[in-house]
């Protein structure tokens, strides 16, 4: 595949880079000539043989370790031009089915870890007077739904944070974009009791989202896309038996 001049030589950092949207985005960026710093808990699932891919093993739900590691990465990678904050996981049920530790873990991973990444890398982008922070949200940031209270709380909070970041960075040349996908056919559903229906139109693919992220990165400095919602043509779920 030919390299797009806007991406050839660009360095991007991606969380959740070993599977799903993160992996698809990393693969596409590498194909286009970019360098990728990939953060994931388990790199055995995706280990490209490329000198332009740097794997970093990190559990982002461990906030103390995550904060220190992200700060260290920001000091080393002052040339990062795109930070893609993607890592997350879902747990669903009535609120009384959650333990206090489960609530804290899910909020730490799905909200606080994104804030920590922004805390570490927005200063890098501001010093460059340009670059992109792309946050992967969810349709759960747009409307609360039954059994999704904890997940929706995290995603609603993430949406507010992204809006605040965008306002904060508007005069520094840094674009902040929140991307809210609908159902995406990824390992996100592996531990859940439901998944997208078999019809191809019921869910997006990770490659669909990756293509949109690259479109954002390939767009000239202006305009800014503050929020993008992406839905499958005919969203539908089925329960596993």
Protein backbone atom coordinates (compact mmCIF):
# COMPACT_ATOMS: atom_id res chain seq x y z
CA UNK A 1 0.00 0.00 0.00
CA UNK A 2 1.33 3.44 -0.83
CA UNK A 3 2.16 5.76 2.03
CA UNK A 4 0.12 8.89 2.51
CA UNK A 5 2.45 11.90 2.85
CA UNK A 6 0.48 13.17 5.84
CA UNK A 7 1.21 9.98 7.79
CA UNK A 8 4.62 8.91 6.53
CA UNK A 9 6.97 9.55 9.47
CA UNK A 10 4.20 10.55 11.90
CA UNK A 11 4.46 9.03 15.38
CA UNK A 12 1.26 7.94 17.10
CA UNK A 13 0.60 6.50 20.53
CA UNK A 14 -2.33 4.09 20.84
CA UNK A 15 -3.76 2.51 23.97
CA UNK A 16 -5.46 -0.87 23.68
CA UNK A 17 -3.27 -1.58 20.64
CA UNK A 18 -3.34 -5.38 20.80
CA UNK A 19 -6.91 -6.01 19.61
CA UNK A 20 -10.06 -4.51 18.18
CA UNK A 21 -10.06 -0.86 17.15
CA UNK A 22 -6.59 -0.23 18.57
CA UNK A 23 -5.03 -3.09 16.62
CA UNK A 24 -6.79 -2.17 13.37
CA UNK A 25 -5.62 1.42 13.75
CA UNK A 26 -2.04 0.39 14.53
CA UNK A 27 -1.95 -1.92 11.50
CA UNK A 28 -3.28 0.78 9.19
CA UNK A 29 -0.88 3.42 10.51
CA UNK A 30 2.09 1.08 10.08
CA UNK A 31 0.98 0.35 6.51
CA UNK A 32 0.92 4.09 5.84
CA UNK A 33 4.50 4.59 7.10
CA UNK A 34 3.78 5.92 10.60
CA UNK A 35 5.56 4.87 13.78
CA UNK A 36 3.39 3.50 16.58
CA UNK A 37 3.89 3.29 20.33
CA UNK A 38 1.37 0.61 21.32
CA UNK A 39 0.12 0.23 24.89
CA UNK A 40 -1.61 -3.00 25.90
CA UNK A 41 -1.70 -5.54 28.71
CA UNK A 42 -0.90 -8.48 26.40
CA UNK A 43 1.22 -8.08 23.28
CA UNK A 44 1.18 -11.77 22.35
CA UNK A 45 -2.04 -11.11 20.41
CA UNK A 46 -0.39 -8.51 18.17
CA UNK A 47 3.36 -8.27 17.72
CA UNK A 48 4.17 -6.82 14.29
CA UNK A 49 7.71 -7.34 13.03
CA UNK A 50 8.40 -3.68 12.42
CA UNK A 51 11.06 -1.36 13.80
CA UNK A 52 8.39 1.32 13.72
CA UNK A 53 6.27 -0.44 16.37
CA UNK A 54 7.22 -0.09 20.04
CA UNK A 55 5.15 -2.29 22.40
CA UNK A 56 4.60 -1.05 25.95
CA UNK A 57 3.06 -3.47 28.44
CA UNK A 58 0.75 -1.65 30.83
CA UNK A 59 -2.52 -2.27 32.67
CA UNK A 60 -4.21 1.12 32.47
CA UNK A 61 -6.64 0.25 35.26
CA UNK A 62 -3.66 0.29 37.69
CA UNK A 63 -3.70 4.06 38.00
CA UNK A 64 -0.54 4.54 40.05
CA UNK A 65 1.58 2.54 37.61
CA UNK A 66 -0.24 4.02 34.61
CA UNK A 67 0.35 7.61 35.71
CA UNK A 68 4.10 7.07 36.14
CA UNK A 69 4.50 5.07 32.93
CA UNK A 70 2.55 7.56 30.82
CA UNK A 71 4.61 10.45 32.19
CA UNK A 72 7.81 8.53 31.39
CA UNK A 73 6.60 7.80 27.85
CA UNK A 74 5.73 11.47 27.33
CA UNK A 75 9.27 12.49 28.32
CA UNK A 76 10.80 9.95 25.93
CA UNK A 77 8.43 10.52 23.01
CA UNK A 78 8.32 14.28 22.64
CA UNK A 79 7.74 13.76 18.92
CA UNK A 80 4.33 12.08 19.31
CA UNK A 81 1.94 13.93 17.00
CA UNK A 82 -1.18 11.83 17.64
CA UNK A 83 -2.38 10.24 20.86
CA UNK A 84 -5.26 7.79 20.40
CA UNK A 85 -6.89 6.96 23.72
CA UNK A 86 -8.77 3.78 23.00
CA UNK A 87 -8.44 1.22 25.81
CA UNK A 88 -11.60 0.14 27.57
CA UNK A 89 -13.83 -2.76 28.58
CA UNK A 90 -17.48 -3.27 29.39
CA UNK A 91 -19.32 -4.82 32.31
CA UNK A 92 -23.11 -4.69 32.37
CA UNK A 93 -25.84 -5.39 34.90
CA UNK A 94 -28.11 -3.72 37.41
CA UNK A 95 -26.17 -1.42 39.71
CA UNK A 96 -26.78 -3.69 42.72
CA UNK A 97 -24.92 -6.47 40.92
CA UNK A 98 -21.66 -4.48 41.02
CA UNK A 99 -19.27 -4.60 43.94
CA UNK A 100 -17.60 -1.38 45.01
CA UNK A 101 -14.27 -2.64 43.65
CA UNK A 102 -15.85 -3.47 40.27
CA UNK A 103 -17.31 0.03 40.01
CA UNK A 104 -13.94 1.57 40.83
CA UNK A 105 -12.08 -0.68 38.37
CA UNK A 106 -14.46 0.09 35.52
CA UNK A 107 -14.39 3.85 36.12
CA UNK A 108 -10.59 3.75 36.44
CA UNK A 109 -10.21 2.00 33.09
CA UNK A 110 -12.99 3.61 31.06
CA UNK A 111 -12.63 7.18 32.32
CA UNK A 112 -9.70 7.96 34.60
CA UNK A 113 -7.04 6.27 32.45
CA UNK A 114 -8.09 8.49 29.54
CA UNK A 115 -7.67 11.56 31.75
CA UNK A 116 -4.20 10.38 32.73
CA UNK A 117 -3.18 9.93 29.10
CA UNK A 118 -4.39 13.45 28.32
CA UNK A 119 -2.55 14.79 31.38
CA UNK A 120 0.70 13.29 30.08
CA UNK A 121 0.43 13.93 26.34
CA UNK A 122 -1.58 17.13 25.88
CA UNK A 123 1.46 19.13 27.11
CA UNK A 124 3.57 17.36 24.46
CA UNK A 125 1.10 18.34 21.73
CA UNK A 126 0.79 21.90 23.07
CA UNK A 127 4.56 22.35 22.96
CA UNK A 128 4.46 21.20 19.33
CA UNK A 129 1.69 23.75 18.65
CA UNK A 130 -0.18 21.01 16.82
CA UNK A 131 -1.29 17.43 16.81
CA UNK A 132 -4.29 15.28 17.60
CA UNK A 133 -5.78 13.75 20.71
CA UNK A 134 -8.42 11.25 19.60
CA UNK A 135 -10.56 9.66 22.29
CA UNK A 136 -12.63 6.57 21.56
CA UNK A 137 -15.91 7.00 23.38
CA UNK A 138 -19.12 5.09 22.72
CA UNK A 139 -22.74 5.51 21.82
CA UNK A 140 -23.14 4.92 25.58
CA UNK A 141 -21.95 8.54 25.98
CA UNK A 142 -25.09 9.76 24.22
CA UNK A 143 -27.91 7.94 25.99
CA UNK A 144 -28.16 5.93 29.18
CA UNK A 145 -29.59 2.44 28.88
CA UNK A 146 -30.61 -0.35 31.25
CA UNK A 147 -27.76 -2.45 32.70
CA UNK A 148 -25.27 0.14 31.50
CA UNK A 149 -25.14 2.55 34.43
CA UNK A 150 -21.44 2.21 35.26
CA UNK A 151 -20.28 2.05 31.66
CA UNK A 152 -22.50 4.97 30.65
CA UNK A 153 -21.29 7.00 33.64
CA UNK A 154 -17.70 6.58 32.45
CA UNK A 155 -18.51 7.40 28.82
CA UNK A 156 -20.67 10.42 29.70
CA UNK A 157 -17.78 11.69 31.83
CA UNK A 158 -15.36 11.08 28.99
CA UNK A 159 -17.55 13.11 26.66
CA UNK A 160 -17.50 16.06 29.05
CA UNK A 161 -13.74 15.79 29.44
CA UNK A 162 -13.23 15.73 25.66
CA UNK A 163 -15.33 18.88 25.27
CA UNK A 164 -13.27 20.60 27.98
CA UNK A 165 -9.98 19.49 26.39
CA UNK A 166 -11.11 20.79 23.00
CA UNK A 167 -11.93 24.19 24.47
CA UNK A 168 -8.64 24.28 26.39
CA UNK A 169 -6.60 23.42 23.29
CA UNK A 170 -8.48 25.47 20.70
CA UNK A 171 -5.84 28.21 20.57
CA UNK A 172 -2.85 25.88 20.78
CA UNK A 173 -3.25 24.18 17.41
CA UNK A 174 -4.21 20.87 19.03
CA UNK A 175 -7.32 19.06 17.82
CA UNK A 176 -9.32 16.99 20.28
CA UNK A 177 -11.82 14.60 18.73
CA UNK A 178 -14.23 12.26 20.49
CA UNK A 179 -15.32 9.31 18.34
CA UNK A 180 -18.46 7.51 19.53
CA UNK A 181 -18.93 4.17 17.74
CA UNK A 182 -22.06 2.07 17.91
CA UNK A 183 -21.70 -1.72 18.01
CA UNK A 184 -18.28 -2.83 16.75
CA UNK A 185 -17.49 -6.51 16.18
CA UNK A 186 -14.47 -6.84 18.52
CA UNK A 187 -13.33 -8.94 21.52
CA UNK A 188 -15.16 -6.34 23.66
CA UNK A 189 -18.08 -8.77 23.64
CA UNK A 190 -16.09 -11.93 24.49
CA UNK A 191 -16.80 -11.72 28.23
CA UNK A 192 -20.37 -10.50 27.86
CA UNK A 193 -23.59 -12.49 27.49
CA UNK A 194 -24.57 -10.63 24.32
CA UNK A 195 -22.89 -9.74 21.04
CA UNK A 196 -23.76 -8.20 17.66
CA UNK A 197 -26.15 -10.24 15.56
CA UNK A 198 -24.77 -12.24 12.65
CA UNK A 199 -26.07 -9.88 9.96
CA UNK A 200 -23.07 -7.84 8.70
CA UNK A 201 -25.13 -4.66 8.96
CA UNK A 202 -25.72 -5.15 12.68
CA UNK A 203 -22.23 -3.96 13.68
CA UNK A 204 -19.26 -2.01 12.44
CA UNK A 205 -15.82 -3.55 11.99
CA UNK A 206 -12.66 -2.33 13.70
CA UNK A 207 -11.38 -1.41 10.26
CA UNK A 208 -14.36 0.93 9.78
CA UNK A 209 -13.33 2.90 12.85
CA UNK A 210 -9.61 2.78 12.01
CA UNK A 211 -10.34 4.25 8.58
CA UNK A 212 -12.24 7.13 10.18
CA UNK A 213 -9.37 7.80 12.61
CA UNK A 214 -6.91 7.98 9.75
CA UNK A 215 -9.26 10.30 7.90
CA UNK A 216 -9.11 12.64 10.90
CA UNK A 217 -5.31 12.48 11.00
CA UNK A 218 -5.04 13.05 7.24
CA UNK A 219 -7.27 16.12 7.36
CA UNK A 220 -5.32 19.41 7.34
CA UNK A 221 -5.05 21.30 10.61
CA UNK A 222 -8.45 22.82 10.13
CA UNK A 223 -11.30 22.13 10.48
CA UNK A 224 -11.55 20.49 13.88
CA UNK A 225 -13.91 17.57 14.40
CA UNK A 226 -14.96 17.77 18.04
CA UNK A 227 -17.30 14.78 18.06
CA UNK A 228 -18.09 12.07 15.53
CA UNK A 229 -20.82 9.46 15.99
CA UNK A 230 -20.59 6.32 13.85
CA UNK A 231 -23.40 3.76 13.69
CA UNK A 232 -23.84 0.48 11.80
CA UNK A 233 -26.60 0.42 9.16
CA UNK A 234 -28.93 -1.86 11.13
CA UNK A 235 -27.68 -2.24 14.74
CA UNK A 236 -28.82 -5.42 16.45
CA UNK A 237 -27.67 -7.63 19.30
CA UNK A 238 -28.25 -11.28 20.12
CA UNK A 239 -27.89 -13.08 23.42
CA UNK A 240 -25.45 -15.96 23.65
CA UNK A 241 -26.84 -19.38 24.57
